[in-house]
Amino acid sequence: MEPGLSLYQFPGCPYCQRVRDALKRLKLDVEMRDITAQPQYRDELVRATGRGTVPVLRIEDTPGSVRWLPESLDIIRYLEERAAR
């Protein structure tokens, strides 16, 4: 499991699928937070970003330092850069 990463998503979302495909291709294991199966994740997302749209990658660089990265292509770009390190 990649430390500090959580993907807020749901199974029927095509943009989320794009990110999940990239994760598989990059061989990265990220915690999946399904906002439809577990409403508390949607609540967290709305509190943090002001909206409930997915996918959004929650990035905890250091304890207490959290960034929220929306947009599937931006998430994929970040994951590719991270995998290249």
PDB file of N, CA and C in Angstrom:
ATOM      1  N   MET A   1       0.853  -1.182   0.000  1.00  0.00           N
ATOM      2  CA  MET A   1       0.000   0.000   0.000  1.00  0.00           C
ATOM      3  C   MET A   1       0.899   1.246   0.000  1.00  0.00           C
ATOM      4  N   GLU A   2       0.607   2.155  -0.920  1.00  0.00           N
ATOM      5  CA  GLU A   2       1.364   3.401  -0.990  1.00  0.00           C
ATOM      6  C   GLU A   2       1.026   4.259   0.226  1.00  0.00           C
ATOM      7  N   PRO A   3       2.002   4.581   1.035  1.00  0.00           N
ATOM      8  CA  PRO A   3       1.717   5.382   2.234  1.00  0.00           C
ATOM      9  C   PRO A   3       1.248   6.792   1.878  1.00  0.00           C
ATOM     10  N   GLY A   4       0.222   7.244   2.599  1.00  0.00           N
ATOM     11  CA  GLY A   4      -0.231   8.621   2.455  1.00  0.00           C
ATOM     12  C   GLY A   4      -1.144   8.902   1.282  1.00  0.00           C
ATOM     13  N   LEU A   5      -1.551   7.865   0.526  1.00  0.00           N
ATOM     14  CA  LEU A   5      -2.413   8.087  -0.630  1.00  0.00           C
ATOM     15  C   LEU A   5      -3.748   7.380  -0.461  1.00  0.00           C
ATOM     16  N   SER A   6      -4.837   8.106  -0.761  1.00  0.00           N
ATOM     17  CA  SER A   6      -6.180   7.533  -0.776  1.00  0.00           C
ATOM     18  C   SER A   6      -6.915   8.108  -1.978  1.00  0.00           C
ATOM     19  N   LEU A   7      -7.581   7.237  -2.728  1.00  0.00           N
ATOM     20  CA  LEU A   7      -8.343   7.681  -3.890  1.00  0.00           C
ATOM     21  C   LEU A   7      -9.827   7.653  -3.554  1.00  0.00           C
ATOM     22  N   TYR A   8     -10.450   8.820  -3.583  1.00  0.00           N
ATOM     23  CA  TYR A   8     -11.887   8.945  -3.400  1.00  0.00           C
ATOM     24  C   TYR A   8     -12.517   8.727  -4.762  1.00  0.00           C
ATOM     25  N   GLN A   9     -13.418   7.725  -4.859  1.00  0.00           N
ATOM     26  CA  GLN A   9     -13.931   7.299  -6.150  1.00  0.00           C
ATOM     27  C   GLN A   9     -15.182   6.465  -5.945  1.00  0.00           C
ATOM     28  N   PHE A  10     -15.767   6.005  -7.057  1.00  0.00           N
ATOM     29  CA  PHE A  10     -16.807   4.981  -6.985  1.00  0.00           C
ATOM     30  C   PHE A  10     -16.750   4.147  -8.259  1.00  0.00           C
ATOM     31  N   PRO A  11     -17.187   2.890  -8.183  1.00  0.00           N
ATOM     32  CA  PRO A  11     -16.983   1.945  -9.277  1.00  0.00           C
ATOM     33  C   PRO A  11     -17.540   2.367 -10.635  1.00  0.00           C
ATOM     34  N   GLY A  12     -18.685   3.017 -10.723  1.00  0.00           N
ATOM     35  CA  GLY A  12     -19.282   3.343 -12.006  1.00  0.00           C
ATOM     36  C   GLY A  12     -18.769   4.600 -12.674  1.00  0.00           C
ATOM     37  N   CYS A  13     -17.822   5.264 -12.089  1.00  0.00           N
ATOM     38  CA  CYS A  13     -17.313   6.535 -12.609  1.00  0.00           C
ATOM     39  C   CYS A  13     -16.226   6.284 -13.659  1.00  0.00           C
ATOM     40  N   PRO A  14     -16.425   6.728 -14.913  1.00  0.00           N
ATOM     41  CA  PRO A  14     -15.419   6.472 -15.947  1.00  0.00           C
ATOM     42  C   PRO A  14     -14.088   7.192 -15.704  1.00  0.00           C
ATOM     43  N   TYR A  15     -14.129   8.354 -15.090  1.00  0.00           N
ATOM     44  CA  TYR A  15     -12.879   9.073 -14.804  1.00  0.00           C
ATOM     45  C   TYR A  15     -12.111   8.372 -13.687  1.00  0.00           C
ATOM     46  N   CYS A  16     -12.850   7.804 -12.747  1.00  0.00           N
ATOM     47  CA  CYS A  16     -12.219   7.012 -11.688  1.00  0.00           C
ATOM     48  C   CYS A  16     -11.583   5.758 -12.280  1.00  0.00           C
ATOM     49  N   GLN A  17     -12.271   5.155 -13.241  1.00  0.00           N
ATOM     50  CA  GLN A  17     -11.727   3.963 -13.898  1.00  0.00           C
ATOM     51  C   GLN A  17     -10.418   4.293 -14.601  1.00  0.00           C
ATOM     52  N   ARG A  18     -10.336   5.458 -15.192  1.00  0.00           N
ATOM     53  CA  ARG A  18      -9.099   5.903 -15.854  1.00  0.00           C
ATOM     54  C   ARG A  18      -7.944   5.917 -14.847  1.00  0.00           C
ATOM     55  N   VAL A  19      -8.215   6.413 -13.635  1.00  0.00           N
ATOM     56  CA  VAL A  19      -7.175   6.456 -12.595  1.00  0.00           C
ATOM     57  C   VAL A  19      -6.852   5.044 -12.103  1.00  0.00           C
ATOM     58  N   ARG A  20      -7.886   4.220 -11.903  1.00  0.00           N
ATOM     59  CA  ARG A  20      -7.646   2.843 -11.454  1.00  0.00           C
ATOM     60  C   ARG A  20      -6.813   2.078 -12.485  1.00  0.00           C
ATOM     61  N   ASP A  21      -7.070   2.306 -13.772  1.00  0.00           N
ATOM     62  CA  ASP A  21      -6.267   1.664 -14.827  1.00  0.00           C
ATOM     63  C   ASP A  21      -4.807   2.112 -14.743  1.00  0.00           C
ATOM     64  N   ALA A  22      -4.584   3.387 -14.491  1.00  0.00           N
ATOM     65  CA  ALA A  22      -3.215   3.900 -14.358  1.00  0.00           C
ATOM     66  C   ALA A  22      -2.527   3.287 -13.138  1.00  0.00           C
ATOM     67  N   LEU A  23      -3.255   3.159 -12.049  1.00  0.00           N
ATOM     68  CA  LEU A  23      -2.685   2.537 -10.851  1.00  0.00           C
ATOM     69  C   LEU A  23      -2.233   1.113 -11.149  1.00  0.00           C
ATOM     70  N   LYS A  24      -3.067   0.386 -11.865  1.00  0.00           N
ATOM     71  CA  LYS A  24      -2.732  -0.995 -12.224  1.00  0.00           C
ATOM     72  C   LYS A  24      -1.496  -1.028 -13.120  1.00  0.00           C
ATOM     73  N   ARG A  25      -1.474  -0.157 -14.124  1.00  0.00           N
ATOM     74  CA  ARG A  25      -0.345  -0.096 -15.058  1.00  0.00           C
ATOM     75  C   ARG A  25       0.954   0.248 -14.336  1.00  0.00           C
ATOM     76  N   LEU A  26       0.857   1.153 -13.363  1.00  0.00           N
ATOM     77  CA  LEU A  26       2.041   1.598 -12.619  1.00  0.00           C
ATOM     78  C   LEU A  26       2.385   0.677 -11.450  1.00  0.00           C
ATOM     79  N   LYS A  27       1.516  -0.326 -11.213  1.00  0.00           N
ATOM     80  CA  LYS A  27       1.708  -1.281 -10.117  1.00  0.00           C
ATOM     81  C   LYS A  27       1.755  -0.575  -8.757  1.00  0.00           C
ATOM     82  N   LEU A  28       0.836   0.381  -8.582  1.00  0.00           N
ATOM     83  CA  LEU A  28       0.723   1.109  -7.319  1.00  0.00           C
ATOM     84  C   LEU A  28      -0.536   0.646  -6.592  1.00  0.00           C
ATOM     85  N   ASP A  29      -0.402   0.368  -5.317  1.00  0.00           N
ATOM     86  CA  ASP A  29      -1.527  -0.054  -4.494  1.00  0.00           C
ATOM     87  C   ASP A  29      -1.920   1.120  -3.602  1.00  0.00           C
ATOM     88  N   VAL A  30      -3.097   1.685  -3.874  1.00  0.00           N
ATOM     89  CA  VAL A  30      -3.574   2.869  -3.160  1.00  0.00           C
ATOM     90  C   VAL A  30      -4.888   2.521  -2.471  1.00  0.00           C
ATOM     91  N   GLU A  31      -5.090   3.056  -1.294  1.00  0.00           N
ATOM     92  CA  GLU A  31      -6.352   2.840  -0.590  1.00  0.00           C
ATOM     93  C   GLU A  31      -7.498   3.430  -1.410  1.00  0.00           C
ATOM     94  N   MET A  32      -8.530   2.619  -1.657  1.00  0.00           N
ATOM     95  CA  MET A  32      -9.717   3.054  -2.391  1.00  0.00           C
ATOM     96  C   MET A  32     -10.799   3.441  -1.399  1.00  0.00           C
ATOM     97  N   ARG A  33     -11.339   4.628  -1.554  1.00  0.00           N
ATOM     98  CA  ARG A  33     -12.419   5.106  -0.698  1.00  0.00           C
ATOM     99  C   ARG A  33     -13.660   5.330  -1.562  1.00  0.00           C
ATOM    100  N   ASP A  34     -14.572   4.374  -1.514  1.00  0.00           N
ATOM    101  CA  ASP A  34     -15.784   4.387  -2.324  1.00  0.00           C
ATOM    102  C   ASP A  34     -16.817   5.303  -1.681  1.00  0.00           C
ATOM    103  N   ILE A  35     -17.093   6.436  -2.324  1.00  0.00           N
ATOM    104  CA  ILE A  35     -17.986   7.437  -1.734  1.00  0.00           C
ATOM    105  C   ILE A  35     -19.451   7.026  -1.782  1.00  0.00           C
ATOM    106  N   THR A  36     -19.798   6.007  -2.583  1.00  0.00           N
ATOM    107  CA  THR A  36     -21.185   5.547  -2.622  1.00  0.00           C
ATOM    108  C   THR A  36     -21.431   4.445  -1.596  1.00  0.00           C
ATOM    109  N   ALA A  37     -20.466   3.580  -1.391  1.00  0.00           N
ATOM    110  CA  ALA A  37     -20.618   2.484  -0.435  1.00  0.00           C
ATOM    111  C   ALA A  37     -20.401   2.951   1.000  1.00  0.00           C
ATOM    112  N   GLN A  38     -19.591   3.988   1.166  1.00  0.00           N
ATOM    113  CA  GLN A  38     -19.275   4.487   2.502  1.00  0.00           C
ATOM    114  C   GLN A  38     -19.462   6.004   2.513  1.00  0.00           C
ATOM    115  N   PRO A  39     -20.688   6.445   2.852  1.00  0.00           N
ATOM    116  CA  PRO A  39     -21.016   7.878   2.785  1.00  0.00           C
ATOM    117  C   PRO A  39     -20.099   8.787   3.611  1.00  0.00           C
ATOM    118  N   GLN A  40     -19.456   8.250   4.640  1.00  0.00           N
ATOM    119  CA  GLN A  40     -18.554   9.102   5.423  1.00  0.00           C
ATOM    120  C   GLN A  40     -17.390   9.596   4.568  1.00  0.00           C
ATOM    121  N   TYR A  41     -17.005   8.828   3.538  1.00  0.00           N
ATOM    122  CA  TYR A  41     -15.934   9.280   2.645  1.00  0.00           C
ATOM    123  C   TYR A  41     -16.408  10.447   1.777  1.00  0.00           C
ATOM    124  N   ARG A  42     -17.648  10.400   1.325  1.00  0.00           N
ATOM    125  CA  ARG A  42     -18.192  11.534   0.567  1.00  0.00           C
ATOM    126  C   ARG A  42     -18.251  12.768   1.459  1.00  0.00           C
ATOM    127  N   ASP A  43     -18.672  12.585   2.707  1.00  0.00           N
ATOM    128  CA  ASP A  43     -18.720  13.703   3.655  1.00  0.00           C
ATOM    129  C   ASP A  43     -17.338  14.312   3.857  1.00  0.00           C
ATOM    130  N   GLU A  44     -16.313  13.466   4.025  1.00  0.00           N
ATOM    131  CA  GLU A  44     -14.927  13.949   4.180  1.00  0.00           C
ATOM    132  C   GLU A  44     -14.509  14.759   2.955  1.00  0.00           C
ATOM    133  N   LEU A  45     -14.832  14.220   1.784  1.00  0.00           N
ATOM    134  CA  LEU A  45     -14.462  14.871   0.527  1.00  0.00           C
ATOM    135  C   LEU A  45     -15.109  16.246   0.404  1.00  0.00           C
ATOM    136  N   VAL A  46     -16.400  16.330   0.706  1.00  0.00           N
ATOM    137  CA  VAL A  46     -17.116  17.603   0.611  1.00  0.00           C
ATOM    138  C   VAL A  46     -16.574  18.600   1.625  1.00  0.00           C
ATOM    139  N   ARG A  47     -16.291  18.143   2.837  1.00  0.00           N
ATOM    140  CA  ARG A  47     -15.711  19.041   3.855  1.00  0.00           C
ATOM    141  C   ARG A  47     -14.359  19.588   3.400  1.00  0.00           C
ATOM    142  N   ALA A  48     -13.566  18.735   2.785  1.00  0.00           N
ATOM    143  CA  ALA A  48     -12.203  19.141   2.406  1.00  0.00           C
ATOM    144  C   ALA A  48     -12.158  19.981   1.132  1.00  0.00           C
ATOM    145  N   THR A  49     -13.012  19.663   0.161  1.00  0.00           N
ATOM    146  CA  THR A  49     -12.906  20.312  -1.151  1.00  0.00           C
ATOM    147  C   THR A  49     -14.085  21.206  -1.496  1.00  0.00           C
ATOM    148  N   GLY A  50     -15.178  21.065  -0.758  1.00  0.00           N
ATOM    149  CA  GLY A  50     -16.359  21.853  -1.050  1.00  0.00           C
ATOM    150  C   GLY A  50     -17.257  21.246  -2.117  1.00  0.00           C
ATOM    151  N   ARG A  51     -16.884  20.064  -2.618  1.00  0.00           N
ATOM    152  CA  ARG A  51     -17.708  19.393  -3.623  1.00  0.00           C
ATOM    153  C   ARG A  51     -17.551  17.878  -3.519  1.00  0.00           C
ATOM    154  N   GLY A  52     -18.491  17.167  -4.098  1.00  0.00           N
ATOM    155  CA  GLY A  52     -18.492  15.714  -3.993  1.00  0.00           C
ATOM    156  C   GLY A  52     -18.124  14.995  -5.262  1.00  0.00           C
ATOM    157  N   THR A  53     -17.470  15.702  -6.188  1.00  0.00           N
ATOM    158  CA  THR A  53     -17.099  15.066  -7.453  1.00  0.00           C
ATOM    159  C   THR A  53     -15.805  14.283  -7.294  1.00  0.00           C
ATOM    160  N   VAL A  54     -15.719  13.184  -8.024  1.00  0.00           N
ATOM    161  CA  VAL A  54     -14.554  12.301  -7.983  1.00  0.00           C
ATOM    162  C   VAL A  54     -14.063  12.064  -9.401  1.00  0.00           C
ATOM    163  N   PRO A  55     -12.846  11.611  -9.565  1.00  0.00           N
ATOM    164  CA  PRO A  55     -11.896  11.156  -8.565  1.00  0.00           C
ATOM    165  C   PRO A  55     -11.130  12.307  -7.921  1.00  0.00           C
ATOM    166  N   VAL A  56     -10.725  12.059  -6.690  1.00  0.00           N
ATOM    167  CA  VAL A  56      -9.855  12.986  -5.967  1.00  0.00           C
ATOM    168  C   VAL A  56      -8.840  12.143  -5.204  1.00  0.00           C
ATOM    169  N   LEU A  57      -7.585  12.508  -5.325  1.00  0.00           N
ATOM    170  CA  LEU A  57      -6.519  11.819  -4.603  1.00  0.00           C
ATOM    171  C   LEU A  57      -6.159  12.631  -3.370  1.00  0.00           C
ATOM    172  N   ARG A  58      -6.242  11.989  -2.211  1.00  0.00           N
ATOM    173  CA  ARG A  58      -5.828  12.610  -0.951  1.00  0.00           C
ATOM    174  C   ARG A  58      -4.365  12.235  -0.731  1.00  0.00           C
ATOM    175  N   ILE A  59      -3.531  13.251  -0.594  1.00  0.00           N
ATOM    176  CA  ILE A  59      -2.086  13.055  -0.459  1.00  0.00           C
ATOM    177  C   ILE A  59      -1.659  13.602   0.892  1.00  0.00           C
ATOM    178  N   GLU A  60      -1.124  12.718   1.720  1.00  0.00           N
ATOM    179  CA  GLU A  60      -0.585  13.139   3.011  1.00  0.00           C
ATOM    180  C   GLU A  60       0.934  13.016   2.917  1.00  0.00           C
ATOM    181  N   ASP A  61       1.594  14.162   2.662  1.00  0.00           N
ATOM    182  CA  ASP A  61       3.046  14.164   2.486  1.00  0.00           C
ATOM    183  C   ASP A  61       3.760  13.899   3.802  1.00  0.00           C
ATOM    184  N   THR A  62       3.346  14.593   4.820  1.00  0.00           N
ATOM    185  CA  THR A  62       3.859  14.395   6.167  1.00  0.00           C
ATOM    186  C   THR A  62       2.649  14.388   7.092  1.00  0.00           C
ATOM    187  N   PRO A  63       2.766  13.797   8.268  1.00  0.00           N
ATOM    188  CA  PRO A  63       1.609  13.774   9.167  1.00  0.00           C
ATOM    189  C   PRO A  63       1.040  15.182   9.379  1.00  0.00           C
ATOM    190  N   GLY A  64      -0.251  15.327   9.094  1.00  0.00           N
ATOM    191  CA  GLY A  64      -0.910  16.612   9.270  1.00  0.00           C
ATOM    192  C   GLY A  64      -0.873  17.513   8.051  1.00  0.00           C
ATOM    193  N   SER A  65      -0.082  17.156   7.040  1.00  0.00           N
ATOM    194  CA  SER A  65       0.014  17.949   5.811  1.00  0.00           C
ATOM    195  C   SER A  65      -0.724  17.207   4.699  1.00  0.00           C
ATOM    196  N   VAL A  66      -1.946  17.661   4.401  1.00  0.00           N
ATOM    197  CA  VAL A  66      -2.795  16.965   3.439  1.00  0.00           C
ATOM    198  C   VAL A  66      -3.103  17.867   2.252  1.00  0.00           C
ATOM    199  N   ARG A  67      -2.982  17.287   1.050  1.00  0.00           N
ATOM    200  CA  ARG A  67      -3.378  17.962  -0.186  1.00  0.00           C
ATOM    201  C   ARG A  67      -4.450  17.112  -0.852  1.00  0.00           C
ATOM    202  N   TRP A  68      -5.362  17.766  -1.544  1.00  0.00           N
ATOM    203  CA  TRP A  68      -6.429  17.085  -2.273  1.00  0.00           C
ATOM    204  C   TRP A  68      -6.240  17.399  -3.752  1.00  0.00           C
ATOM    205  N   LEU A  69      -6.042  16.360  -4.552  1.00  0.00           N
ATOM    206  CA  LEU A  69      -5.769  16.535  -5.977  1.00  0.00           C
ATOM    207  C   LEU A  69      -6.946  15.993  -6.797  1.00  0.00           C
ATOM    208  N   PRO A  70      -7.758  16.885  -7.391  1.00  0.00           N
ATOM    209  CA  PRO A  70      -8.860  16.448  -8.251  1.00  0.00           C
ATOM    210  C   PRO A  70      -8.384  16.267  -9.692  1.00  0.00           C
ATOM    211  N   GLU A  71      -9.305  15.828 -10.543  1.00  0.00           N
ATOM    212  CA  GLU A  71      -9.096  15.698 -11.990  1.00  0.00           C
ATOM    213  C   GLU A  71      -8.235  14.478 -12.329  1.00  0.00           C
ATOM    214  N   SER A  72      -8.825  13.557 -13.056  1.00  0.00           N
ATOM    215  CA  SER A  72      -8.181  12.279 -13.349  1.00  0.00           C
ATOM    216  C   SER A  72      -6.819  12.432 -14.026  1.00  0.00           C
ATOM    217  N   LEU A  73      -6.699  13.315 -15.009  1.00  0.00           N
ATOM    218  CA  LEU A  73      -5.418  13.439 -15.711  1.00  0.00           C
ATOM    219  C   LEU A  73      -4.330  14.021 -14.816  1.00  0.00           C
ATOM    220  N   ASP A  74      -4.694  14.940 -13.931  1.00  0.00           N
ATOM    221  CA  ASP A  74      -3.723  15.488 -12.976  1.00  0.00           C
ATOM    222  C   ASP A  74      -3.292  14.414 -11.981  1.00  0.00           C
ATOM    223  N   ILE A  75      -4.244  13.592 -11.550  1.00  0.00           N
ATOM    224  CA  ILE A  75      -3.923  12.498 -10.632  1.00  0.00           C
ATOM    225  C   ILE A  75      -2.970  11.513 -11.303  1.00  0.00           C
ATOM    226  N   ILE A  76      -3.265  11.158 -12.537  1.00  0.00           N
ATOM    227  CA  ILE A  76      -2.410  10.205 -13.261  1.00  0.00           C
ATOM    228  C   ILE A  76      -1.009  10.769 -13.444  1.00  0.00           C
ATOM    229  N   ARG A  77      -0.910  12.036 -13.789  1.00  0.00           N
ATOM    230  CA  ARG A  77       0.404  12.673 -13.949  1.00  0.00           C
ATOM    231  C   ARG A  77       1.191  12.612 -12.633  1.00  0.00           C
ATOM    232  N   TYR A  78       0.524  12.922 -11.519  1.00  0.00           N
ATOM    233  CA  TYR A  78       1.174  12.859 -10.201  1.00  0.00           C
ATOM    234  C   TYR A  78       1.644  11.430  -9.912  1.00  0.00           C
ATOM    235  N   LEU A  79       0.796  10.444 -10.172  1.00  0.00           N
ATOM    236  CA  LEU A  79       1.148   9.049  -9.891  1.00  0.00           C
ATOM    237  C   LEU A  79       2.314   8.580 -10.754  1.00  0.00           C
ATOM    238  N   GLU A  80       2.338   8.989 -12.017  1.00  0.00           N
ATOM    239  CA  GLU A  80       3.444   8.630 -12.893  1.00  0.00           C
ATOM    240  C   GLU A  80       4.751   9.219 -12.388  1.00  0.00           C
ATOM    241  N   GLU A  81       4.720  10.475 -11.949  1.00  0.00           N
ATOM    242  CA  GLU A  81       5.923  11.108 -11.407  1.00  0.00           C
ATOM    243  C   GLU A  81       6.363  10.408 -10.129  1.00  0.00           C
ATOM    244  N   ARG A  82       5.421  10.064  -9.285  1.00  0.00           N
ATOM    245  CA  ARG A  82       5.736   9.383  -8.025  1.00  0.00           C
ATOM    246  C   ARG A  82       6.334   8.000  -8.288  1.00  0.00           C
ATOM    247  N   ALA A  83       5.782   7.274  -9.261  1.00  0.00           N
ATOM    248  CA  ALA A  83       6.270   5.936  -9.584  1.00  0.00           C
ATOM    249  C   ALA A  83       7.678   5.982 -10.182  1.00  0.00           C
ATOM    250  N   ALA A  84       8.002   7.091 -10.835  1.00  0.00           N
ATOM    251  CA  ALA A  84       9.317   7.228 -11.474  1.00  0.00           C
ATOM    252  C   ALA A  84      10.440   7.495 -10.471  1.00  0.00           C
ATOM    253  N   ARG A  85      10.081   7.892  -9.258  1.00  0.00           N
ATOM    254  CA  ARG A  85      11.102   8.203  -8.243  1.00  0.00           C
ATOM    255  C   ARG A  85      11.801   6.974  -7.748  1.00  0.00           C
TER     256      ARG A  85
END
